[in-house]
Amino acid sequence: MSAAGEDGDRGAGPVPVARMIEDVVGCKWTLSVLDCVRRGIGRPGEIERSITGLRTKVLNERLRKLLRFGVLSRTVYAEVPPRVEYRLTDFGLRFVDVLDRIAALQAGREDGPSLR
């Protein structure tokens, strides 16, 4: 991974939206994670079970990145056992709309790979 990889955008202020889209589209798991959260699957264990092949470590990395981007919010409930849920923020709803538009644009092409 390059110097601007996972840790490259920490503490440098808001991440440009173009960089966020590049990161999201460049990861084969992020679109699936966002799709789960959009469908109301917000608990990490449920997300992991919903996406074949996704491992806990990768899911946690993706969730942290999406939190840092401001796409997701995280709610921790004071229960035993602890419960955590993720939801799209207002910005996240607009962000996935942009991703949907990119996918629709791609679907309109007869050649080239799909984003999903």
PDB file of N, CA and C in Angstrom:
ATOM      1  N   MET A   1       0.843  -1.175   0.000  1.00  0.00           N
ATOM      2  CA  MET A   1       0.000   0.000   0.000  1.00  0.00           C
ATOM      3  C   MET A   1       0.883   1.231   0.000  1.00  0.00           C
ATOM      4  N   SER A   2       0.430   2.247  -0.644  1.00  0.00           N
ATOM      5  CA  SER A   2       1.222   3.467  -0.738  1.00  0.00           C
ATOM      6  C   SER A   2       1.201   4.246   0.560  1.00  0.00           C
ATOM      7  N   ALA A   3       2.009   5.275   0.636  1.00  0.00           N
ATOM      8  CA  ALA A   3       2.079   6.105   1.832  1.00  0.00           C
ATOM      9  C   ALA A   3       0.751   6.785   2.124  1.00  0.00           C
ATOM     10  N   ALA A   4      -0.096   6.967   1.138  1.00  0.00           N
ATOM     11  CA  ALA A   4      -1.407   7.585   1.345  1.00  0.00           C
ATOM     12  C   ALA A   4      -2.479   6.533   1.556  1.00  0.00           C
ATOM     13  N   GLY A   5      -2.090   5.341   1.993  1.00  0.00           N
ATOM     14  CA  GLY A   5      -3.019   4.236   2.179  1.00  0.00           C
ATOM     15  C   GLY A   5      -3.855   4.377   3.424  1.00  0.00           C
ATOM     16  N   GLU A   6      -4.088   3.281   4.128  1.00  0.00           N
ATOM     17  CA  GLU A   6      -4.966   3.251   5.285  1.00  0.00           C
ATOM     18  C   GLU A   6      -4.664   4.356   6.291  1.00  0.00           C
ATOM     19  N   ASP A   7      -3.403   4.595   6.571  1.00  0.00           N
ATOM     20  CA  ASP A   7      -3.053   5.573   7.586  1.00  0.00           C
ATOM     21  C   ASP A   7      -2.720   6.938   7.003  1.00  0.00           C
ATOM     22  N   GLY A   8      -2.652   7.040   5.696  1.00  0.00           N
ATOM     23  CA  GLY A   8      -2.202   8.254   5.053  1.00  0.00           C
ATOM     24  C   GLY A   8      -3.144   9.432   5.180  1.00  0.00           C
ATOM     25  N   ASP A   9      -4.434   9.192   5.495  1.00  0.00           N
ATOM     26  CA  ASP A   9      -5.354  10.312   5.561  1.00  0.00           C
ATOM     27  C   ASP A   9      -5.747  10.650   6.995  1.00  0.00           C
ATOM     28  N   ARG A  10      -5.084  10.092   7.978  1.00  0.00           N
ATOM     29  CA  ARG A  10      -5.390  10.379   9.379  1.00  0.00           C
ATOM     30  C   ARG A  10      -4.880  11.748   9.777  1.00  0.00           C
ATOM     31  N   GLY A  11      -5.725  12.473  10.476  1.00  0.00           N
ATOM     32  CA  GLY A  11      -5.299  13.720  11.077  1.00  0.00           C
ATOM     33  C   GLY A  11      -5.004  14.846  10.100  1.00  0.00           C
ATOM     34  N   ALA A  12      -5.256  14.656   8.842  1.00  0.00           N
ATOM     35  CA  ALA A  12      -4.938  15.682   7.861  1.00  0.00           C
ATOM     36  C   ALA A  12      -6.157  16.530   7.525  1.00  0.00           C
ATOM     37  N   GLY A  13      -7.180  16.502   8.343  1.00  0.00           N
ATOM     38  CA  GLY A  13      -8.402  17.244   8.064  1.00  0.00           C
ATOM     39  C   GLY A  13      -9.358  16.400   7.245  1.00  0.00           C
ATOM     40  N   PRO A  14     -10.428  17.025   6.755  1.00  0.00           N
ATOM     41  CA  PRO A  14     -11.414  16.285   5.971  1.00  0.00           C
ATOM     42  C   PRO A  14     -10.798  15.681   4.712  1.00  0.00           C
ATOM     43  N   VAL A  15     -11.217  14.471   4.409  1.00  0.00           N
ATOM     44  CA  VAL A  15     -10.734  13.780   3.219  1.00  0.00           C
ATOM     45  C   VAL A  15     -11.553  14.274   2.028  1.00  0.00           C
ATOM     46  N   PRO A  16     -10.903  14.641   0.929  1.00  0.00           N
ATOM     47  CA  PRO A  16     -11.650  15.061  -0.250  1.00  0.00           C
ATOM     48  C   PRO A  16     -12.584  13.944  -0.740  1.00  0.00           C
ATOM     49  N   VAL A  17     -13.756  14.325  -1.199  1.00  0.00           N
ATOM     50  CA  VAL A  17     -14.752  13.343  -1.640  1.00  0.00           C
ATOM     51  C   VAL A  17     -14.196  12.475  -2.764  1.00  0.00           C
ATOM     52  N   ALA A  18     -13.441  13.050  -3.679  1.00  0.00           N
ATOM     53  CA  ALA A  18     -12.865  12.257  -4.772  1.00  0.00           C
ATOM     54  C   ALA A  18     -11.964  11.157  -4.215  1.00  0.00           C
ATOM     55  N   ARG A  19     -11.204  11.448  -3.178  1.00  0.00           N
ATOM     56  CA  ARG A  19     -10.335  10.440  -2.545  1.00  0.00           C
ATOM     57  C   ARG A  19     -11.184   9.358  -1.881  1.00  0.00           C
ATOM     58  N   MET A  20     -12.301   9.769  -1.278  1.00  0.00           N
ATOM     59  CA  MET A  20     -13.192   8.805  -0.640  1.00  0.00           C
ATOM     60  C   MET A  20     -13.776   7.844  -1.679  1.00  0.00           C
ATOM     61  N   ILE A  21     -14.236   8.391  -2.789  1.00  0.00           N
ATOM     62  CA  ILE A  21     -14.816   7.540  -3.836  1.00  0.00           C
ATOM     63  C   ILE A  21     -13.760   6.584  -4.367  1.00  0.00           C
ATOM     64  N   GLU A  22     -12.565   7.086  -4.577  1.00  0.00           N
ATOM     65  CA  GLU A  22     -11.461   6.244  -5.043  1.00  0.00           C
ATOM     66  C   GLU A  22     -11.208   5.098  -4.062  1.00  0.00           C
ATOM     67  N   ASP A  23     -11.195   5.401  -2.778  1.00  0.00           N
ATOM     68  CA  ASP A  23     -10.957   4.386  -1.759  1.00  0.00           C
ATOM     69  C   ASP A  23     -12.092   3.375  -1.717  1.00  0.00           C
ATOM     70  N   VAL A  24     -13.333   3.855  -1.764  1.00  0.00           N
ATOM     71  CA  VAL A  24     -14.489   2.967  -1.681  1.00  0.00           C
ATOM     72  C   VAL A  24     -14.570   2.069  -2.903  1.00  0.00           C
ATOM     73  N   VAL A  25     -14.434   2.627  -4.087  1.00  0.00           N
ATOM     74  CA  VAL A  25     -14.531   1.840  -5.310  1.00  0.00           C
ATOM     75  C   VAL A  25     -13.330   0.903  -5.438  1.00  0.00           C
ATOM     76  N   GLY A  26     -12.197   1.292  -4.880  1.00  0.00           N
ATOM     77  CA  GLY A  26     -10.989   0.476  -4.966  1.00  0.00           C
ATOM     78  C   GLY A  26     -10.966  -0.720  -4.027  1.00  0.00           C
ATOM     79  N   CYS A  27     -11.913  -0.821  -3.130  1.00  0.00           N
ATOM     80  CA  CYS A  27     -11.966  -1.945  -2.193  1.00  0.00           C
ATOM     81  C   CYS A  27     -13.154  -2.829  -2.534  1.00  0.00           C
ATOM     82  N   LYS A  28     -12.901  -4.103  -2.703  1.00  0.00           N
ATOM     83  CA  LYS A  28     -13.991  -4.990  -3.113  1.00  0.00           C
ATOM     84  C   LYS A  28     -15.035  -5.202  -2.025  1.00  0.00           C
ATOM     85  N   TRP A  29     -14.724  -4.853  -0.769  1.00  0.00           N
ATOM     86  CA  TRP A  29     -15.666  -5.091   0.316  1.00  0.00           C
ATOM     87  C   TRP A  29     -16.516  -3.878   0.686  1.00  0.00           C
ATOM     88  N   THR A  30     -16.035  -2.679   0.450  1.00  0.00           N
ATOM     89  CA  THR A  30     -16.702  -1.488   0.959  1.00  0.00           C
ATOM     90  C   THR A  30     -18.104  -1.307   0.398  1.00  0.00           C
ATOM     91  N   LEU A  31     -18.290  -1.538  -0.900  1.00  0.00           N
ATOM     92  CA  LEU A  31     -19.626  -1.394  -1.476  1.00  0.00           C
ATOM     93  C   LEU A  31     -20.602  -2.383  -0.847  1.00  0.00           C
ATOM     94  N   SER A  32     -20.138  -3.582  -0.565  1.00  0.00           N
ATOM     95  CA  SER A  32     -20.999  -4.585   0.075  1.00  0.00           C
ATOM     96  C   SER A  32     -21.348  -4.184   1.498  1.00  0.00           C
ATOM     97  N   VAL A  33     -20.381  -3.644   2.227  1.00  0.00           N
ATOM     98  CA  VAL A  33     -20.629  -3.182   3.594  1.00  0.00           C
ATOM     99  C   VAL A  33     -21.648  -2.047   3.575  1.00  0.00           C
ATOM    100  N   LEU A  34     -21.464  -1.080   2.689  1.00  0.00           N
ATOM    101  CA  LEU A  34     -22.410   0.031   2.583  1.00  0.00           C
ATOM    102  C   LEU A  34     -23.800  -0.459   2.204  1.00  0.00           C
ATOM    103  N   ASP A  35     -23.870  -1.444   1.324  1.00  0.00           N
ATOM    104  CA  ASP A  35     -25.165  -1.987   0.929  1.00  0.00           C
ATOM    105  C   ASP A  35     -25.867  -2.631   2.124  1.00  0.00           C
ATOM    106  N   CYS A  36     -25.131  -3.362   2.933  1.00  0.00           N
ATOM    107  CA  CYS A  36     -25.722  -3.974   4.138  1.00  0.00           C
ATOM    108  C   CYS A  36     -26.276  -2.911   5.074  1.00  0.00           C
ATOM    109  N   VAL A  37     -25.472  -1.900   5.354  1.00  0.00           N
ATOM    110  CA  VAL A  37     -25.905  -0.845   6.276  1.00  0.00           C
ATOM    111  C   VAL A  37     -27.122  -0.124   5.702  1.00  0.00           C
ATOM    112  N   ARG A  38     -27.118   0.115   4.419  1.00  0.00           N
ATOM    113  CA  ARG A  38     -28.258   0.788   3.783  1.00  0.00           C
ATOM    114  C   ARG A  38     -29.530  -0.045   3.915  1.00  0.00           C
ATOM    115  N   ARG A  39     -29.396  -1.379   3.898  1.00  0.00           N
ATOM    116  CA  ARG A  39     -30.551  -2.268   4.023  1.00  0.00           C
ATOM    117  C   ARG A  39     -30.958  -2.504   5.477  1.00  0.00           C
ATOM    118  N   GLY A  40     -30.267  -1.822   6.418  1.00  0.00           N
ATOM    119  CA  GLY A  40     -30.642  -1.940   7.819  1.00  0.00           C
ATOM    120  C   GLY A  40     -29.860  -2.980   8.597  1.00  0.00           C
ATOM    121  N   ILE A  41     -28.859  -3.566   7.975  1.00  0.00           N
ATOM    122  CA  ILE A  41     -27.997  -4.527   8.667  1.00  0.00           C
ATOM    123  C   ILE A  41     -26.850  -3.719   9.247  1.00  0.00           C
ATOM    124  N   GLY A  42     -26.948  -3.373  10.542  1.00  0.00           N
ATOM    125  CA  GLY A  42     -25.997  -2.447  11.123  1.00  0.00           C
ATOM    126  C   GLY A  42     -25.063  -3.018  12.163  1.00  0.00           C
ATOM    127  N   ARG A  43     -25.303  -4.260  12.583  1.00  0.00           N
ATOM    128  CA  ARG A  43     -24.418  -4.854  13.592  1.00  0.00           C
ATOM    129  C   ARG A  43     -23.273  -5.582  12.891  1.00  0.00           C
ATOM    130  N   PRO A  44     -22.058  -5.401  13.393  1.00  0.00           N
ATOM    131  CA  PRO A  44     -20.900  -5.993  12.705  1.00  0.00           C
ATOM    132  C   PRO A  44     -21.017  -7.499  12.442  1.00  0.00           C
ATOM    133  N   GLY A  45     -21.505  -8.247  13.408  1.00  0.00           N
ATOM    134  CA  GLY A  45     -21.647  -9.694  13.203  1.00  0.00           C
ATOM    135  C   GLY A  45     -22.623 -10.019  12.088  1.00  0.00           C
ATOM    136  N   GLU A  46     -23.715  -9.262  12.016  1.00  0.00           N
ATOM    137  CA  GLU A  46     -24.701  -9.464  10.950  1.00  0.00           C
ATOM    138  C   GLU A  46     -24.107  -9.109   9.591  1.00  0.00           C
ATOM    139  N   ILE A  47     -23.346  -8.025   9.553  1.00  0.00           N
ATOM    140  CA  ILE A  47     -22.703  -7.626   8.295  1.00  0.00           C
ATOM    141  C   ILE A  47     -21.756  -8.726   7.835  1.00  0.00           C
ATOM    142  N   GLU A  48     -20.941  -9.203   8.750  1.00  0.00           N
ATOM    143  CA  GLU A  48     -19.965 -10.244   8.396  1.00  0.00           C
ATOM    144  C   GLU A  48     -20.649 -11.509   7.894  1.00  0.00           C
ATOM    145  N   ARG A  49     -21.736 -11.905   8.538  1.00  0.00           N
ATOM    146  CA  ARG A  49     -22.466 -13.101   8.102  1.00  0.00           C
ATOM    147  C   ARG A  49     -23.176 -12.890   6.769  1.00  0.00           C
ATOM    148  N   SER A  50     -23.490 -11.660   6.440  1.00  0.00           N
ATOM    149  CA  SER A  50     -24.216 -11.356   5.202  1.00  0.00           C
ATOM    150  C   SER A  50     -23.330 -11.317   3.962  1.00  0.00           C
ATOM    151  N   ILE A  51     -22.019 -11.185   4.167  1.00  0.00           N
ATOM    152  CA  ILE A  51     -21.090 -11.039   3.044  1.00  0.00           C
ATOM    153  C   ILE A  51     -20.120 -12.214   3.053  1.00  0.00           C
ATOM    154  N   THR A  52     -20.338 -13.151   2.155  1.00  0.00           N
ATOM    155  CA  THR A  52     -19.495 -14.343   2.070  1.00  0.00           C
ATOM    156  C   THR A  52     -18.044 -13.961   1.804  1.00  0.00           C
ATOM    157  N   GLY A  53     -17.149 -14.485   2.635  1.00  0.00           N
ATOM    158  CA  GLY A  53     -15.717 -14.260   2.446  1.00  0.00           C
ATOM    159  C   GLY A  53     -15.152 -13.087   3.216  1.00  0.00           C
ATOM    160  N   LEU A  54     -16.010 -12.230   3.745  1.00  0.00           N
ATOM    161  CA  LEU A  54     -15.545 -11.066   4.502  1.00  0.00           C
ATOM    162  C   LEU A  54     -15.085 -11.508   5.885  1.00  0.00           C
ATOM    163  N   ARG A  55     -13.906 -11.099   6.275  1.00  0.00           N
ATOM    164  CA  ARG A  55     -13.338 -11.451   7.577  1.00  0.00           C
ATOM    165  C   ARG A  55     -13.459 -10.272   8.539  1.00  0.00           C
ATOM    166  N   THR A  56     -13.438 -10.580   9.822  1.00  0.00           N
ATOM    167  CA  THR A  56     -13.603  -9.582  10.872  1.00  0.00           C
ATOM    168  C   THR A  56     -12.595  -8.452  10.755  1.00  0.00           C
ATOM    169  N   LYS A  57     -11.333  -8.787  10.531  1.00  0.00           N
ATOM    170  CA  LYS A  57     -10.293  -7.767  10.449  1.00  0.00           C
ATOM    171  C   LYS A  57     -10.576  -6.773   9.328  1.00  0.00           C
ATOM    172  N   VAL A  58     -10.933  -7.281   8.167  1.00  0.00           N
ATOM    173  CA  VAL A  58     -11.207  -6.414   7.020  1.00  0.00           C
ATOM    174  C   VAL A  58     -12.471  -5.592   7.275  1.00  0.00           C
ATOM    175  N   LEU A  59     -13.500  -6.216   7.837  1.00  0.00           N
ATOM    176  CA  LEU A  59     -14.722  -5.481   8.152  1.00  0.00           C
ATOM    177  C   LEU A  59     -14.424  -4.334   9.109  1.00  0.00           C
ATOM    178  N   ASN A  60     -13.669  -4.606  10.154  1.00  0.00           N
ATOM    179  CA  ASN A  60     -13.338  -3.551  11.121  1.00  0.00           C
ATOM    180  C   ASN A  60     -12.544  -2.424  10.475  1.00  0.00           C
ATOM    181  N   GLU A  61     -11.614  -2.755   9.581  1.00  0.00           N
ATOM    182  CA  GLU A  61     -10.860  -1.721   8.860  1.00  0.00           C
ATOM    183  C   GLU A  61     -11.786  -0.866   8.018  1.00  0.00           C
ATOM    184  N   ARG A  62     -12.710  -1.494   7.304  1.00  0.00           N
ATOM    185  CA  ARG A  62     -13.651  -0.764   6.452  1.00  0.00           C
ATOM    186  C   ARG A  62     -14.573   0.111   7.295  1.00  0.00           C
ATOM    187  N   LEU A  63     -15.083  -0.417   8.405  1.00  0.00           N
ATOM    188  CA  LEU A  63     -15.974   0.365   9.262  1.00  0.00           C
ATOM    189  C   LEU A  63     -15.249   1.576   9.833  1.00  0.00           C
ATOM    190  N   ARG A  64     -14.013   1.378  10.285  1.00  0.00           N
ATOM    191  CA  ARG A  64     -13.228   2.511  10.813  1.00  0.00           C
ATOM    192  C   ARG A  64     -13.011   3.577   9.746  1.00  0.00           C
ATOM    193  N   LYS A  65     -12.695   3.144   8.536  1.00  0.00           N
ATOM    194  CA  LYS A  65     -12.459   4.087   7.443  1.00  0.00           C
ATOM    195  C   LYS A  65     -13.736   4.851   7.129  1.00  0.00           C
ATOM    196  N   LEU A  66     -14.874   4.175   7.063  1.00  0.00           N
ATOM    197  CA  LEU A  66     -16.141   4.840   6.755  1.00  0.00           C
ATOM    198  C   LEU A  66     -16.575   5.774   7.882  1.00  0.00           C
ATOM    199  N   LEU A  67     -16.238   5.426   9.111  1.00  0.00           N
ATOM    200  CA  LEU A  67     -16.491   6.341  10.236  1.00  0.00           C
ATOM    201  C   LEU A  67     -15.641   7.592  10.089  1.00  0.00           C
ATOM    202  N   ARG A  68     -14.366   7.403   9.774  1.00  0.00           N
ATOM    203  CA  ARG A  68     -13.440   8.530   9.625  1.00  0.00           C
ATOM    204  C   ARG A  68     -13.866   9.432   8.471  1.00  0.00           C
ATOM    205  N   PHE A  69     -14.409   8.849   7.409  1.00  0.00           N
ATOM    206  CA  PHE A  69     -14.891   9.616   6.274  1.00  0.00           C
ATOM    207  C   PHE A  69     -16.185  10.353   6.605  1.00  0.00           C
ATOM    208  N   GLY A  70     -16.869   9.954   7.682  1.00  0.00           N
ATOM    209  CA  GLY A  70     -18.153  10.575   8.023  1.00  0.00           C
ATOM    210  C   GLY A  70     -19.324   9.968   7.272  1.00  0.00           C
ATOM    211  N   VAL A  71     -19.110   8.808   6.652  1.00  0.00           N
ATOM    212  CA  VAL A  71     -20.165   8.124   5.901  1.00  0.00           C
ATOM    213  C   VAL A  71     -21.072   7.348   6.853  1.00  0.00           C
ATOM    214  N   LEU A  72     -20.485   6.784   7.907  1.00  0.00           N
ATOM    215  CA  LEU A  72     -21.235   6.023   8.897  1.00  0.00           C
ATOM    216  C   LEU A  72     -21.155   6.690  10.261  1.00  0.00           C
ATOM    217  N   SER A  73     -22.165   6.399  11.075  1.00  0.00           N
ATOM    218  CA  SER A  73     -22.118   6.758  12.494  1.00  0.00           C
ATOM    219  C   SER A  73     -22.160   5.451  13.272  1.00  0.00           C
ATOM    220  N   ARG A  74     -21.642   5.499  14.484  1.00  0.00           N
ATOM    221  CA  ARG A  74     -21.547   4.305  15.329  1.00  0.00           C
ATOM    222  C   ARG A  74     -22.259   4.603  16.637  1.00  0.00           C
ATOM    223  N   THR A  75     -23.159   3.698  17.023  1.00  0.00           N
ATOM    224  CA  THR A  75     -23.866   3.826  18.289  1.00  0.00           C
ATOM    225  C   THR A  75     -23.522   2.621  19.152  1.00  0.00           C
ATOM    226  N   VAL A  76     -23.042   2.900  20.379  1.00  0.00           N
ATOM    227  CA  VAL A  76     -22.727   1.837  21.332  1.00  0.00           C
ATOM    228  C   VAL A  76     -23.811   1.858  22.400  1.00  0.00           C
ATOM    229  N   TYR A  77     -24.462   0.730  22.599  1.00  0.00           N
ATOM    230  CA  TYR A  77     -25.523   0.612  23.590  1.00  0.00           C
ATOM    231  C   TYR A  77     -24.959   0.030  24.877  1.00  0.00           C
ATOM    232  N   ALA A  78     -25.334   0.607  26.001  1.00  0.00           N
ATOM    233  CA  ALA A  78     -24.849   0.157  27.313  1.00  0.00           C
ATOM    234  C   ALA A  78     -25.642  -1.067  27.741  1.00  0.00           C
ATOM    235  N   GLU A  79     -25.304  -2.194  27.142  1.00  0.00           N
ATOM    236  CA  GLU A  79     -25.966  -3.461  27.427  1.00  0.00           C
ATOM    237  C   GLU A  79     -24.910  -4.512  27.695  1.00  0.00           C
ATOM    238  N   VAL A  80     -25.344  -5.614  28.273  1.00  0.00           N
ATOM    239  CA  VAL A  80     -24.468  -6.762  28.449  1.00  0.00           C
ATOM    240  C   VAL A  80     -25.125  -7.917  27.711  1.00  0.00           C
ATOM    241  N   PRO A  81     -24.468  -8.478  26.699  1.00  0.00           N
ATOM    242  CA  PRO A  81     -23.191  -8.060  26.121  1.00  0.00           C
ATOM    243  C   PRO A  81     -23.346  -6.731  25.365  1.00  0.00           C
ATOM    244  N   PRO A  82     -22.229  -6.015  25.177  1.00  0.00           N
ATOM    245  CA  PRO A  82     -22.285  -4.732  24.479  1.00  0.00           C
ATOM    246  C   PRO A  82     -22.835  -4.898  23.062  1.00  0.00           C
ATOM    247  N   ARG A  83     -23.550  -3.898  22.615  1.00  0.00           N
ATOM    248  CA  ARG A  83     -24.119  -3.914  21.267  1.00  0.00           C
ATOM    249  C   ARG A  83     -23.690  -2.638  20.556  1.00  0.00           C
ATOM    250  N   VAL A  84     -23.235  -2.806  19.314  1.00  0.00           N
ATOM    251  CA  VAL A  84     -22.796  -1.685  18.479  1.00  0.00           C
ATOM    252  C   VAL A  84     -23.576  -1.756  17.176  1.00  0.00           C
ATOM    253  N   GLU A  85     -24.042  -0.612  16.713  1.00  0.00           N
ATOM    254  CA  GLU A  85     -24.738  -0.548  15.428  1.00  0.00           C
ATOM    255  C   GLU A  85     -24.191   0.611  14.610  1.00  0.00           C
ATOM    256  N   TYR A  86     -24.160   0.398  13.310  1.00  0.00           N
ATOM    257  CA  TYR A  86     -23.713   1.414  12.366  1.00  0.00           C
ATOM    258  C   TYR A  86     -24.886   1.849  11.502  1.00  0.00           C
ATOM    259  N   ARG A  87     -24.908   3.138  11.182  1.00  0.00           N
ATOM    260  CA  ARG A  87     -25.943   3.710  10.311  1.00  0.00           C
ATOM    261  C   ARG A  87     -25.282   4.711   9.371  1.00  0.00           C
ATOM    262  N   LEU A  88     -25.936   4.930   8.239  1.00  0.00           N
ATOM    263  CA  LEU A  88     -25.467   5.966   7.326  1.00  0.00           C
ATOM    264  C   LEU A  88     -25.783   7.333   7.923  1.00  0.00           C
ATOM    265  N   THR A  89     -24.834   8.234   7.834  1.00  0.00           N
ATOM    266  CA  THR A  89     -25.062   9.618   8.237  1.00  0.00           C
ATOM    267  C   THR A  89     -25.813  10.319   7.099  1.00  0.00           C
ATOM    268  N   ASP A  90     -26.208  11.558   7.311  1.00  0.00           N
ATOM    269  CA  ASP A  90     -26.815  12.327   6.221  1.00  0.00           C
ATOM    270  C   ASP A  90     -25.838  12.425   5.054  1.00  0.00           C
ATOM    271  N   PHE A  91     -24.571  12.680   5.376  1.00  0.00           N
ATOM    272  CA  PHE A  91     -23.550  12.712   4.331  1.00  0.00           C
ATOM    273  C   PHE A  91     -23.434  11.340   3.673  1.00  0.00           C
ATOM    274  N   GLY A  92     -23.503  10.272   4.467  1.00  0.00           N
ATOM    275  CA  GLY A  92     -23.419   8.915   3.934  1.00  0.00           C
ATOM    276  C   GLY A  92     -24.532   8.601   2.957  1.00  0.00           C
ATOM    277  N   LEU A  93     -25.747   9.082   3.243  1.00  0.00           N
ATOM    278  CA  LEU A  93     -26.861   8.879   2.319  1.00  0.00           C
ATOM    279  C   LEU A  93     -26.591   9.560   0.984  1.00  0.00           C
ATOM    280  N   ARG A  94     -26.040  10.767   1.026  1.00  0.00           N
ATOM    281  CA  ARG A  94     -25.690  11.470  -0.214  1.00  0.00           C
ATOM    282  C   ARG A  94     -24.536  10.762  -0.923  1.00  0.00           C
ATOM    283  N   PHE A  95     -23.590  10.254  -0.141  1.00  0.00           N
ATOM    284  CA  PHE A  95     -22.423   9.565  -0.691  1.00  0.00           C
ATOM    285  C   PHE A  95     -22.843   8.296  -1.431  1.00  0.00           C
ATOM    286  N   VAL A  96     -23.719   7.485  -0.839  1.00  0.00           N
ATOM    287  CA  VAL A  96     -24.141   6.254  -1.526  1.00  0.00           C
ATOM    288  C   VAL A  96     -24.988   6.580  -2.745  1.00  0.00           C
ATOM    289  N   ASP A  97     -25.670   7.732  -2.737  1.00  0.00           N
ATOM    290  CA  ASP A  97     -26.399   8.161  -3.926  1.00  0.00           C
ATOM    291  C   ASP A  97     -25.422   8.402  -5.076  1.00  0.00           C
ATOM    292  N   VAL A  98     -24.287   9.010  -4.783  1.00  0.00           N
ATOM    293  CA  VAL A  98     -23.250   9.216  -5.806  1.00  0.00           C
ATOM    294  C   VAL A  98     -22.748   7.868  -6.317  1.00  0.00           C
ATOM    295  N   LEU A  99     -22.522   6.920  -5.417  1.00  0.00           N
ATOM    296  CA  LEU A  99     -22.067   5.588  -5.834  1.00  0.00           C
ATOM    297  C   LEU A  99     -23.118   4.893  -6.703  1.00  0.00           C
ATOM    298  N   ASP A 100     -24.409   5.069  -6.345  1.00  0.00           N
ATOM    299  CA  ASP A 100     -25.483   4.497  -7.160  1.00  0.00           C
ATOM    300  C   ASP A 100     -25.488   5.099  -8.554  1.00  0.00           C
ATOM    301  N   ARG A 101     -25.230   6.396  -8.633  1.00  0.00           N
ATOM    302  CA  ARG A 101     -25.203   7.058  -9.942  1.00  0.00           C
ATOM    303  C   ARG A 101     -24.023   6.557 -10.780  1.00  0.00           C
ATOM    304  N   ILE A 102     -22.894   6.307 -10.132  1.00  0.00           N
ATOM    305  CA  ILE A 102     -21.739   5.747 -10.848  1.00  0.00           C
ATOM    306  C   ILE A 102     -22.084   4.356 -11.362  1.00  0.00           C
ATOM    307  N   ALA A 103     -22.726   3.546 -10.520  1.00  0.00           N
ATOM    308  CA  ALA A 103     -23.118   2.194 -10.933  1.00  0.00           C
ATOM    309  C   ALA A 103     -24.113   2.249 -12.093  1.00  0.00           C
ATOM    310  N   ALA A 104     -25.063   3.194 -12.044  1.00  0.00           N
ATOM    311  CA  ALA A 104     -26.037   3.334 -13.126  1.00  0.00           C
ATOM    312  C   ALA A 104     -25.350   3.764 -14.415  1.00  0.00           C
ATOM    313  N   LEU A 105     -24.390   4.650 -14.302  1.00  0.00           N
ATOM    314  CA  LEU A 105     -23.628   5.075 -15.470  1.00  0.00           C
ATOM    315  C   LEU A 105     -22.900   3.883 -16.075  1.00  0.00           C
ATOM    316  N   GLN A 106     -22.295   3.068 -15.222  1.00  0.00           N
ATOM    317  CA  GLN A 106     -21.587   1.882 -15.688  1.00  0.00           C
ATOM    318  C   GLN A 106     -22.557   0.889 -16.324  1.00  0.00           C
ATOM    319  N   ALA A 107     -23.732   0.731 -15.731  1.00  0.00           N
ATOM    320  CA  ALA A 107     -24.722  -0.214 -16.257  1.00  0.00           C
ATOM    321  C   ALA A 107     -25.192   0.201 -17.641  1.00  0.00           C
ATOM    322  N   GLY A 108     -25.119   1.495 -17.935  1.00  0.00           N
ATOM    323  CA  GLY A 108     -25.533   1.987 -19.240  1.00  0.00           C
ATOM    324  C   GLY A 108     -24.522   1.707 -20.335  1.00  0.00           C
ATOM    325  N   ARG A 109     -23.335   1.289 -19.940  1.00  0.00           N
ATOM    326  CA  ARG A 109     -22.292   0.958 -20.920  1.00  0.00           C
ATOM    327  C   ARG A 109     -22.407  -0.515 -21.282  1.00  0.00           C
ATOM    328  N   GLU A 110     -22.113  -0.830 -22.500  1.00  0.00           N
ATOM    329  CA  GLU A 110     -22.172  -2.235 -22.917  1.00  0.00           C
ATOM    330  C   GLU A 110     -20.844  -2.931 -22.705  1.00  0.00           C
ATOM    331  N   ASP A 111     -19.765  -2.196 -22.515  1.00  0.00           N
ATOM    332  CA  ASP A 111     -18.460  -2.813 -22.300  1.00  0.00           C
ATOM    333  C   ASP A 111     -17.896  -2.353 -20.969  1.00  0.00           C
ATOM    334  N   GLY A 112     -16.904  -3.027 -20.497  1.00  0.00           N
ATOM    335  CA  GLY A 112     -16.226  -2.646 -19.256  1.00  0.00           C
ATOM    336  C   GLY A 112     -16.808  -3.352 -18.048  1.00  0.00           C
ATOM    337  N   PRO A 113     -16.012  -3.434 -16.997  1.00  0.00           N
ATOM    338  CA  PRO A 113     -16.441  -4.129 -15.790  1.00  0.00           C
ATOM    339  C   PRO A 113     -17.445  -3.295 -14.983  1.00  0.00           C
ATOM    340  N   SER A 114     -18.233  -3.963 -14.200  1.00  0.00           N
ATOM    341  CA  SER A 114     -19.213  -3.314 -13.330  1.00  0.00           C
ATOM    342  C   SER A 114     -18.579  -2.987 -11.989  1.00  0.00           C
ATOM    343  N   LEU A 115     -19.098  -1.977 -11.289  1.00  0.00           N
ATOM    344  CA  LEU A 115     -18.630  -1.649  -9.941  1.00  0.00           C
ATOM    345  C   LEU A 115     -19.131  -2.657  -8.936  1.00  0.00           C
ATOM    346  N   ARG A 116     -20.218  -3.304  -9.227  1.00  0.00           N
ATOM    347  CA  ARG A 116     -20.803  -4.254  -8.265  1.00  0.00           C
ATOM    348  C   ARG A 116     -20.731  -5.642  -8.764  1.00  0.00           C
TER     349      ARG A 116
END
